[in-house]
């Protein structure tokens, strides 16, 4: 599947050969490499036997953005399937050129064809650019809370 979006952005399924570009784009965006994280995530994406949900955006044949997503059937007690966006990345030089919008548009098309009607993701509250993007794309706060547990903190009521 390859879809041309706009003048010069093409979206296609992610390929194993895209790993280096994805790690590089993320490192440039994050200011540090998360190579091991992406090796695991990409291995999962390519070993998953269901329809491909992870995508790459190209400009002149070069990967300039990516989206890693999975479909879950019944996660956290839900009865309807939902797609989860794990990571969305766009090369800093291509921000503002609708790369992320093109990736999300293709994901929507893929999911609609499967009869999946929900996409979920998490965004750090202090990432206004990403929050603005997802808001513009129609995402709203979920009706559930994400909870974290710092294992270095004593349990309430414990005698540590």
N, C-alpha and C. Protein backbone atom coordinates (compact mmCIF):
# COMPACT_ATOMS: atom_id res chain seq x y z
N UNK A 1 0.83 -1.17 0.00
CA UNK A 1 0.00 0.00 0.00
C UNK A 1 0.88 1.23 0.00
N UNK A 2 0.72 2.08 -0.98
CA UNK A 2 1.41 3.36 -1.05
C UNK A 2 0.39 4.41 -1.44
N UNK A 3 0.37 5.50 -0.69
CA UNK A 3 -0.58 6.57 -0.96
C UNK A 3 0.17 7.88 -1.03
N UNK A 4 -0.06 8.64 -2.10
CA UNK A 4 0.55 9.97 -2.23
C UNK A 4 -0.36 10.98 -1.54
N UNK A 5 0.22 11.81 -0.73
CA UNK A 5 -0.51 12.84 -0.01
C UNK A 5 0.15 14.18 -0.32
N UNK A 6 -0.61 15.14 -0.75
CA UNK A 6 -0.03 16.45 -1.03
C UNK A 6 0.92 16.38 -2.20
N UNK A 7 1.82 17.35 -2.27
CA UNK A 7 2.72 17.42 -3.41
C UNK A 7 3.84 16.40 -3.36
N UNK A 8 4.43 16.18 -2.19
CA UNK A 8 5.64 15.37 -2.18
C UNK A 8 5.73 14.35 -1.05
N UNK A 9 4.66 14.09 -0.34
CA UNK A 9 4.68 13.12 0.76
C UNK A 9 3.95 11.85 0.32
N UNK A 10 4.63 10.73 0.44
CA UNK A 10 4.06 9.43 0.11
C UNK A 10 4.07 8.60 1.39
N UNK A 11 2.94 7.93 1.68
CA UNK A 11 2.84 7.09 2.87
C UNK A 11 2.75 5.64 2.41
N UNK A 12 3.53 4.79 3.05
CA UNK A 12 3.52 3.36 2.75
C UNK A 12 3.70 2.59 4.05
N UNK A 13 3.49 1.27 3.97
CA UNK A 13 3.74 0.42 5.13
C UNK A 13 5.22 0.50 5.51
N UNK A 14 5.47 0.38 6.78
CA UNK A 14 6.82 0.38 7.29
C UNK A 14 7.54 -0.87 6.81
N UNK A 15 8.82 -0.74 6.49
CA UNK A 15 9.64 -1.86 6.04
C UNK A 15 10.81 -2.05 6.99
N UNK A 16 11.34 -3.27 7.11
CA UNK A 16 12.48 -3.50 8.00
C UNK A 16 13.66 -2.57 7.70
N UNK A 17 13.86 -2.22 6.45
CA UNK A 17 14.96 -1.33 6.07
C UNK A 17 14.79 0.10 6.56
N UNK A 18 13.63 0.44 7.12
CA UNK A 18 13.38 1.79 7.61
C UNK A 18 13.92 2.02 9.02
N UNK A 19 14.41 0.97 9.67
CA UNK A 19 14.81 1.05 11.08
C UNK A 19 15.82 2.17 11.34
N UNK A 20 16.87 2.26 10.54
CA UNK A 20 17.90 3.27 10.78
C UNK A 20 17.32 4.68 10.68
N UNK A 21 16.50 4.93 9.67
CA UNK A 21 15.89 6.26 9.50
C UNK A 21 15.00 6.61 10.67
N UNK A 22 14.22 5.65 11.16
CA UNK A 22 13.31 5.89 12.28
C UNK A 22 14.11 6.23 13.54
N UNK A 23 15.13 5.45 13.82
CA UNK A 23 15.96 5.71 15.01
C UNK A 23 16.62 7.08 14.90
N UNK A 24 17.08 7.42 13.71
CA UNK A 24 17.73 8.71 13.50
C UNK A 24 16.75 9.88 13.67
N UNK A 25 15.55 9.78 13.10
CA UNK A 25 14.54 10.83 13.24
C UNK A 25 14.18 11.02 14.70
N UNK A 26 13.95 9.92 15.40
CA UNK A 26 13.58 10.01 16.81
C UNK A 26 14.72 10.62 17.63
N UNK A 27 15.95 10.22 17.40
CA UNK A 27 17.09 10.75 18.16
C UNK A 27 17.24 12.25 17.94
N UNK A 28 17.03 12.68 16.73
CA UNK A 28 17.13 14.11 16.43
C UNK A 28 16.03 14.88 17.15
N UNK A 29 14.83 14.30 17.22
CA UNK A 29 13.71 14.95 17.87
C UNK A 29 13.84 14.94 19.39
N UNK A 30 14.31 13.82 19.94
CA UNK A 30 14.36 13.64 21.39
C UNK A 30 15.66 14.15 22.01
N UNK A 31 16.68 14.33 21.19
CA UNK A 31 17.96 14.76 21.73
C UNK A 31 18.79 13.62 22.30
N UNK A 32 18.32 12.39 22.11
CA UNK A 32 19.06 11.20 22.55
C UNK A 32 18.52 10.01 21.78
N UNK A 33 19.33 8.98 21.70
CA UNK A 33 18.93 7.78 20.95
C UNK A 33 18.12 6.83 21.83
N UNK A 34 17.07 6.29 21.23
CA UNK A 34 16.29 5.23 21.88
C UNK A 34 16.34 3.99 20.99
N UNK A 35 17.53 3.67 20.52
CA UNK A 35 17.72 2.58 19.56
C UNK A 35 17.17 1.26 20.06
N UNK A 36 17.44 0.91 21.31
CA UNK A 36 16.97 -0.39 21.83
C UNK A 36 15.45 -0.43 21.88
N UNK A 37 14.83 0.66 22.30
CA UNK A 37 13.37 0.75 22.32
C UNK A 37 12.80 0.49 20.93
N UNK A 38 13.37 1.13 19.92
CA UNK A 38 12.86 0.97 18.56
C UNK A 38 13.16 -0.40 17.98
N UNK A 39 14.27 -1.00 18.34
CA UNK A 39 14.55 -2.36 17.87
C UNK A 39 13.46 -3.31 18.36
N UNK A 40 13.07 -3.17 19.62
CA UNK A 40 12.00 -4.02 20.16
C UNK A 40 10.67 -3.71 19.49
N UNK A 41 10.31 -2.43 19.40
CA UNK A 41 9.02 -2.02 18.80
C UNK A 41 8.93 -2.44 17.34
N UNK A 42 10.01 -2.29 16.61
CA UNK A 42 9.98 -2.65 15.19
C UNK A 42 9.94 -4.17 15.01
N UNK A 43 10.63 -4.90 15.87
CA UNK A 43 10.55 -6.36 15.82
C UNK A 43 9.10 -6.80 16.04
N UNK A 44 8.44 -6.19 17.02
CA UNK A 44 7.03 -6.49 17.28
C UNK A 44 6.17 -6.15 16.05
N UNK A 45 6.42 -5.01 15.46
CA UNK A 45 5.63 -4.57 14.31
C UNK A 45 5.77 -5.54 13.14
N UNK A 46 6.97 -6.06 12.92
CA UNK A 46 7.18 -6.93 11.77
C UNK A 46 6.82 -8.38 12.05
N UNK A 47 6.76 -8.77 13.31
CA UNK A 47 6.38 -10.14 13.65
C UNK A 47 4.88 -10.28 13.82
N UNK A 48 4.18 -9.18 14.00
CA UNK A 48 2.73 -9.22 14.19
C UNK A 48 2.10 -9.76 12.91
N UNK A 49 1.27 -10.77 13.04
CA UNK A 49 0.68 -11.41 11.86
C UNK A 49 -0.56 -10.69 11.36
N UNK A 50 -1.05 -9.71 12.10
CA UNK A 50 -2.24 -8.99 11.64
C UNK A 50 -1.85 -7.97 10.57
N UNK A 51 -2.83 -7.24 10.09
CA UNK A 51 -2.58 -6.23 9.07
C UNK A 51 -1.60 -5.18 9.59
N UNK A 52 -0.75 -4.71 8.71
CA UNK A 52 0.27 -3.74 9.10
C UNK A 52 -0.36 -2.42 9.49
N UNK A 53 -0.01 -1.94 10.65
CA UNK A 53 -0.52 -0.66 11.14
C UNK A 53 0.58 0.38 11.19
N UNK A 54 1.82 -0.03 11.11
CA UNK A 54 2.92 0.91 11.20
C UNK A 54 3.27 1.42 9.82
N UNK A 55 3.52 2.73 9.74
CA UNK A 55 3.64 3.41 8.46
C UNK A 55 4.89 4.27 8.39
N UNK A 56 5.33 4.54 7.17
CA UNK A 56 6.44 5.47 6.92
C UNK A 56 5.97 6.52 5.94
N UNK A 57 6.43 7.75 6.14
CA UNK A 57 6.17 8.84 5.20
C UNK A 57 7.47 9.18 4.50
N UNK A 58 7.40 9.31 3.19
CA UNK A 58 8.60 9.57 2.40
C UNK A 58 8.45 10.85 1.59
N UNK A 59 9.58 11.51 1.42
CA UNK A 59 9.67 12.66 0.52
C UNK A 59 10.87 12.39 -0.37
N UNK A 60 10.64 12.36 -1.65
CA UNK A 60 11.70 12.03 -2.62
C UNK A 60 12.38 10.71 -2.28
N UNK A 61 11.60 9.73 -1.80
CA UNK A 61 12.10 8.41 -1.51
C UNK A 61 12.83 8.27 -0.18
N UNK A 62 12.89 9.34 0.61
CA UNK A 62 13.59 9.31 1.89
C UNK A 62 12.56 9.35 3.02
N UNK A 63 12.74 8.48 4.03
CA UNK A 63 11.82 8.46 5.17
C UNK A 63 11.97 9.75 5.96
N UNK A 64 10.84 10.47 6.10
CA UNK A 64 10.83 11.74 6.83
C UNK A 64 9.88 11.71 8.02
N UNK A 65 9.15 10.60 8.16
CA UNK A 65 8.23 10.46 9.28
C UNK A 65 7.79 9.02 9.41
N UNK A 66 7.26 8.69 10.60
CA UNK A 66 6.81 7.33 10.84
C UNK A 66 5.73 7.32 11.90
N UNK A 67 4.97 6.26 11.91
CA UNK A 67 3.92 6.05 12.90
C UNK A 67 3.93 4.57 13.24
N UNK A 68 4.10 4.26 14.53
CA UNK A 68 4.04 2.88 14.99
C UNK A 68 2.74 2.70 15.74
N UNK A 69 1.92 1.76 15.28
CA UNK A 69 0.61 1.52 15.90
C UNK A 69 0.33 0.04 15.93
N UNK A 70 -0.57 -0.33 16.84
CA UNK A 70 -1.01 -1.72 16.98
C UNK A 70 -2.50 -1.74 17.22
N UNK A 71 -3.12 -2.86 16.93
CA UNK A 71 -4.54 -3.04 17.23
C UNK A 71 -4.65 -3.98 18.41
N UNK A 72 -5.45 -3.60 19.38
CA UNK A 72 -5.69 -4.41 20.56
C UNK A 72 -7.16 -4.79 20.60
N UNK A 73 -7.41 -6.01 20.95
CA UNK A 73 -8.77 -6.53 21.04
C UNK A 73 -9.07 -6.82 22.51
N UNK A 74 -9.69 -5.85 23.19
CA UNK A 74 -10.08 -6.07 24.57
C UNK A 74 -9.07 -5.59 25.60
N UNK A 75 -8.19 -4.70 25.24
CA UNK A 75 -7.21 -4.17 26.18
C UNK A 75 -7.89 -3.41 27.31
N UNK A 76 -7.43 -3.59 28.53
CA UNK A 76 -7.95 -2.90 29.71
C UNK A 76 -9.46 -3.03 29.84
N UNK A 77 -9.98 -4.22 29.55
CA UNK A 77 -11.39 -4.49 29.76
C UNK A 77 -12.33 -3.99 28.68
N UNK A 78 -11.81 -3.39 27.64
CA UNK A 78 -12.66 -2.92 26.54
C UNK A 78 -13.18 -4.12 25.76
N UNK A 79 -14.36 -3.98 25.21
CA UNK A 79 -14.90 -5.07 24.40
C UNK A 79 -14.71 -4.82 22.91
N UNK A 80 -14.55 -3.58 22.52
CA UNK A 80 -14.34 -3.25 21.11
C UNK A 80 -12.85 -3.10 20.82
N UNK A 81 -12.42 -3.49 19.62
CA UNK A 81 -11.01 -3.31 19.29
C UNK A 81 -10.66 -1.83 19.19
N UNK A 82 -9.41 -1.52 19.47
CA UNK A 82 -8.92 -0.15 19.36
C UNK A 82 -7.49 -0.18 18.87
N UNK A 83 -7.13 0.81 18.09
CA UNK A 83 -5.74 0.97 17.67
C UNK A 83 -5.05 1.89 18.66
N UNK A 84 -3.79 1.61 18.90
CA UNK A 84 -3.00 2.43 19.80
C UNK A 84 -1.78 2.93 19.03
N UNK A 85 -1.61 4.24 19.02
CA UNK A 85 -0.41 4.84 18.43
C UNK A 85 0.64 4.84 19.52
N UNK A 86 1.71 4.08 19.28
CA UNK A 86 2.82 4.02 20.23
C UNK A 86 3.77 5.20 20.04
N UNK A 87 4.12 5.48 18.80
CA UNK A 87 5.07 6.54 18.51
C UNK A 87 4.71 7.18 17.17
N UNK A 88 4.80 8.50 17.14
CA UNK A 88 4.63 9.28 15.91
C UNK A 88 5.83 10.20 15.82
N UNK A 89 6.57 10.12 14.74
CA UNK A 89 7.77 10.95 14.61
C UNK A 89 7.87 11.58 13.23
N UNK A 90 8.31 12.83 13.22
CA UNK A 90 8.53 13.55 11.97
C UNK A 90 9.90 14.23 12.06
N UNK A 91 10.68 14.09 11.02
CA UNK A 91 11.98 14.74 10.97
C UNK A 91 11.78 16.24 11.18
N UNK A 92 12.59 16.87 12.05
CA UNK A 92 12.40 18.30 12.33
C UNK A 92 12.36 19.19 11.09
N UNK A 93 13.11 18.86 10.06
CA UNK A 93 13.11 19.67 8.84
C UNK A 93 11.80 19.58 8.05
N UNK A 94 10.95 18.61 8.40
CA UNK A 94 9.70 18.40 7.66
C UNK A 94 8.46 18.73 8.49
N UNK A 95 8.65 19.27 9.68
CA UNK A 95 7.50 19.66 10.49
C UNK A 95 6.80 20.83 9.83
N UNK A 96 5.49 20.84 9.94
CA UNK A 96 4.70 21.89 9.31
C UNK A 96 4.37 21.59 7.85
N UNK A 97 4.77 20.44 7.36
CA UNK A 97 4.50 20.06 5.97
C UNK A 97 3.47 18.94 5.88
N UNK A 98 2.69 18.74 6.94
CA UNK A 98 1.57 17.80 7.00
C UNK A 98 1.98 16.33 6.91
N UNK A 99 3.20 16.03 7.32
CA UNK A 99 3.67 14.65 7.32
C UNK A 99 2.87 13.82 8.33
N UNK A 100 2.73 14.31 9.55
CA UNK A 100 1.98 13.58 10.57
C UNK A 100 0.51 13.44 10.17
N UNK A 101 -0.04 14.46 9.56
CA UNK A 101 -1.43 14.40 9.10
C UNK A 101 -1.59 13.32 8.03
N UNK A 102 -0.62 13.22 7.14
CA UNK A 102 -0.66 12.19 6.09
C UNK A 102 -0.58 10.79 6.70
N UNK A 103 0.30 10.61 7.68
CA UNK A 103 0.41 9.32 8.35
C UNK A 103 -0.89 8.94 9.06
N UNK A 104 -1.46 9.89 9.77
CA UNK A 104 -2.71 9.63 10.49
C UNK A 104 -3.86 9.37 9.52
N UNK A 105 -3.89 10.08 8.41
CA UNK A 105 -4.94 9.86 7.41
C UNK A 105 -4.88 8.43 6.87
N UNK A 106 -3.68 7.94 6.60
CA UNK A 106 -3.55 6.57 6.09
C UNK A 106 -3.94 5.56 7.16
N UNK A 107 -3.54 5.83 8.42
CA UNK A 107 -3.93 4.94 9.52
C UNK A 107 -5.46 4.89 9.64
N UNK A 108 -6.11 6.04 9.54
CA UNK A 108 -7.58 6.08 9.59
C UNK A 108 -8.19 5.22 8.49
N UNK A 109 -7.65 5.32 7.29
CA UNK A 109 -8.15 4.53 6.16
C UNK A 109 -7.99 3.04 6.43
N UNK A 110 -6.81 2.65 6.92
CA UNK A 110 -6.55 1.23 7.20
C UNK A 110 -7.50 0.71 8.27
N UNK A 111 -7.69 1.48 9.32
CA UNK A 111 -8.54 1.05 10.43
C UNK A 111 -10.00 0.99 10.03
N UNK A 112 -10.46 1.97 9.27
CA UNK A 112 -11.85 1.98 8.82
C UNK A 112 -12.14 0.73 7.99
N UNK A 113 -11.19 0.33 7.16
CA UNK A 113 -11.37 -0.87 6.34
C UNK A 113 -11.50 -2.13 7.21
N UNK A 114 -10.91 -2.09 8.39
CA UNK A 114 -10.98 -3.22 9.32
C UNK A 114 -12.19 -3.15 10.24
N UNK A 115 -12.93 -2.06 10.17
CA UNK A 115 -14.07 -1.88 11.07
C UNK A 115 -13.66 -1.45 12.47
N UNK A 116 -12.47 -0.89 12.60
CA UNK A 116 -11.99 -0.39 13.90
C UNK A 116 -12.24 1.11 13.93
N UNK A 117 -12.90 1.55 14.99
CA UNK A 117 -13.37 2.93 15.03
C UNK A 117 -12.74 3.78 16.12
N UNK A 118 -11.75 3.26 16.82
CA UNK A 118 -11.14 4.02 17.90
C UNK A 118 -9.62 3.98 17.79
N UNK A 119 -9.01 5.15 17.94
CA UNK A 119 -7.55 5.27 18.03
C UNK A 119 -7.25 5.90 19.38
N UNK A 120 -6.28 5.33 20.07
CA UNK A 120 -5.85 5.85 21.36
C UNK A 120 -4.36 6.16 21.31
N UNK A 121 -3.96 7.10 22.13
CA UNK A 121 -2.54 7.38 22.30
C UNK A 121 -2.35 8.13 23.62
N UNK A 122 -1.12 8.31 24.00
CA UNK A 122 -0.79 9.11 25.18
C UNK A 122 0.13 10.23 24.74
N UNK A 123 -0.03 11.37 25.38
CA UNK A 123 0.80 12.53 25.09
C UNK A 123 1.21 13.15 26.42
N UNK A 124 2.46 13.50 26.53
CA UNK A 124 2.92 14.20 27.74
C UNK A 124 2.20 15.54 27.82
N UNK A 125 1.72 15.87 29.00
CA UNK A 125 0.94 17.10 29.17
C UNK A 125 1.76 18.34 28.84
N UNK A 126 3.09 18.24 28.90
CA UNK A 126 3.94 19.40 28.63
C UNK A 126 4.52 19.39 27.21
N UNK A 127 3.82 18.71 26.29
CA UNK A 127 4.22 18.70 24.88
C UNK A 127 3.13 19.42 24.08
N UNK A 128 3.12 20.75 24.10
CA UNK A 128 2.02 21.49 23.47
C UNK A 128 1.90 21.28 21.96
N UNK A 129 3.02 21.06 21.27
CA UNK A 129 2.94 20.84 19.82
C UNK A 129 2.17 19.57 19.50
N UNK A 130 2.48 18.50 20.20
CA UNK A 130 1.80 17.23 19.95
C UNK A 130 0.36 17.28 20.42
N UNK A 131 0.11 17.92 21.55
CA UNK A 131 -1.26 18.08 22.02
C UNK A 131 -2.10 18.86 21.02
N UNK A 132 -1.53 19.93 20.48
CA UNK A 132 -2.24 20.74 19.49
C UNK A 132 -2.52 19.93 18.23
N UNK A 133 -1.53 19.15 17.79
CA UNK A 133 -1.73 18.32 16.60
C UNK A 133 -2.89 17.34 16.81
N UNK A 134 -2.84 16.58 17.90
CA UNK A 134 -3.90 15.60 18.14
C UNK A 134 -5.26 16.26 18.33
N UNK A 135 -5.31 17.41 18.97
CA UNK A 135 -6.56 18.14 19.12
C UNK A 135 -7.11 18.54 17.75
N UNK A 136 -6.25 19.06 16.89
CA UNK A 136 -6.65 19.45 15.54
C UNK A 136 -7.17 18.25 14.74
N UNK A 137 -6.63 17.08 15.03
CA UNK A 137 -7.05 15.86 14.32
C UNK A 137 -8.31 15.24 14.92
N UNK A 138 -8.85 15.84 15.98
CA UNK A 138 -10.12 15.37 16.55
C UNK A 138 -9.99 14.52 17.80
N UNK A 139 -8.80 14.32 18.31
CA UNK A 139 -8.63 13.56 19.55
C UNK A 139 -9.14 14.38 20.72
N UNK A 140 -9.71 13.70 21.69
CA UNK A 140 -10.21 14.34 22.92
C UNK A 140 -9.69 13.54 24.11
N UNK A 141 -9.69 14.13 25.31
CA UNK A 141 -9.27 13.36 26.49
C UNK A 141 -10.13 12.11 26.66
N UNK A 142 -9.50 11.02 27.04
CA UNK A 142 -10.19 9.74 27.22
C UNK A 142 -10.97 9.74 28.53
N UNK A 143 -11.90 8.82 28.62
CA UNK A 143 -12.71 8.66 29.83
C UNK A 143 -12.07 7.68 30.81
N UNK A 144 -10.74 7.62 30.82
CA UNK A 144 -10.03 6.76 31.76
C UNK A 144 -8.74 7.47 32.15
N UNK A 145 -8.17 7.04 33.22
CA UNK A 145 -6.93 7.63 33.71
C UNK A 145 -5.76 6.70 33.48
N UNK A 146 -4.64 7.24 33.10
CA UNK A 146 -3.39 6.48 33.05
C UNK A 146 -2.76 6.61 34.43
N UNK A 147 -2.34 5.51 34.98
CA UNK A 147 -1.76 5.50 36.32
C UNK A 147 -0.32 5.02 36.26
N UNK A 148 0.54 5.65 37.04
CA UNK A 148 1.93 5.26 37.17
C UNK A 148 2.21 4.87 38.60
N UNK A 149 3.15 3.97 38.80
CA UNK A 149 3.60 3.59 40.14
C UNK A 149 5.11 3.65 40.17
N UNK A 150 5.66 4.52 40.99
CA UNK A 150 7.10 4.61 41.18
C UNK A 150 7.47 3.58 42.25
N UNK A 151 8.15 2.53 41.86
CA UNK A 151 8.47 1.44 42.77
C UNK A 151 9.48 1.82 43.85
N UNK A 152 10.06 2.99 43.73
CA UNK A 152 10.99 3.46 44.77
C UNK A 152 10.25 4.12 45.92
N UNK A 153 8.97 4.42 45.72
CA UNK A 153 8.16 5.08 46.75
C UNK A 153 7.48 4.02 47.61
N UNK A 154 7.58 4.15 48.93
CA UNK A 154 6.92 3.17 49.81
C UNK A 154 5.41 3.16 49.59
N UNK A 155 4.83 1.98 49.75
CA UNK A 155 3.37 1.85 49.66
C UNK A 155 2.73 2.62 50.78
N UNK A 156 1.59 3.18 50.50
CA UNK A 156 0.84 3.87 51.55
C UNK A 156 0.49 2.89 52.64
N UNK A 157 0.72 3.30 53.87
CA UNK A 157 0.39 2.46 55.00
C UNK A 157 1.45 1.42 55.34
N UNK A 158 2.54 1.34 54.53
CA UNK A 158 3.58 0.35 54.84
C UNK A 158 4.57 0.93 55.83
N UNK A 159 5.25 0.09 56.56
CA UNK A 159 6.20 0.48 57.59
C UNK A 159 7.63 0.32 57.08
N UNK A 160 8.03 0.97 56.06
CA UNK A 160 9.39 0.84 55.52
C UNK A 160 10.35 1.63 56.29
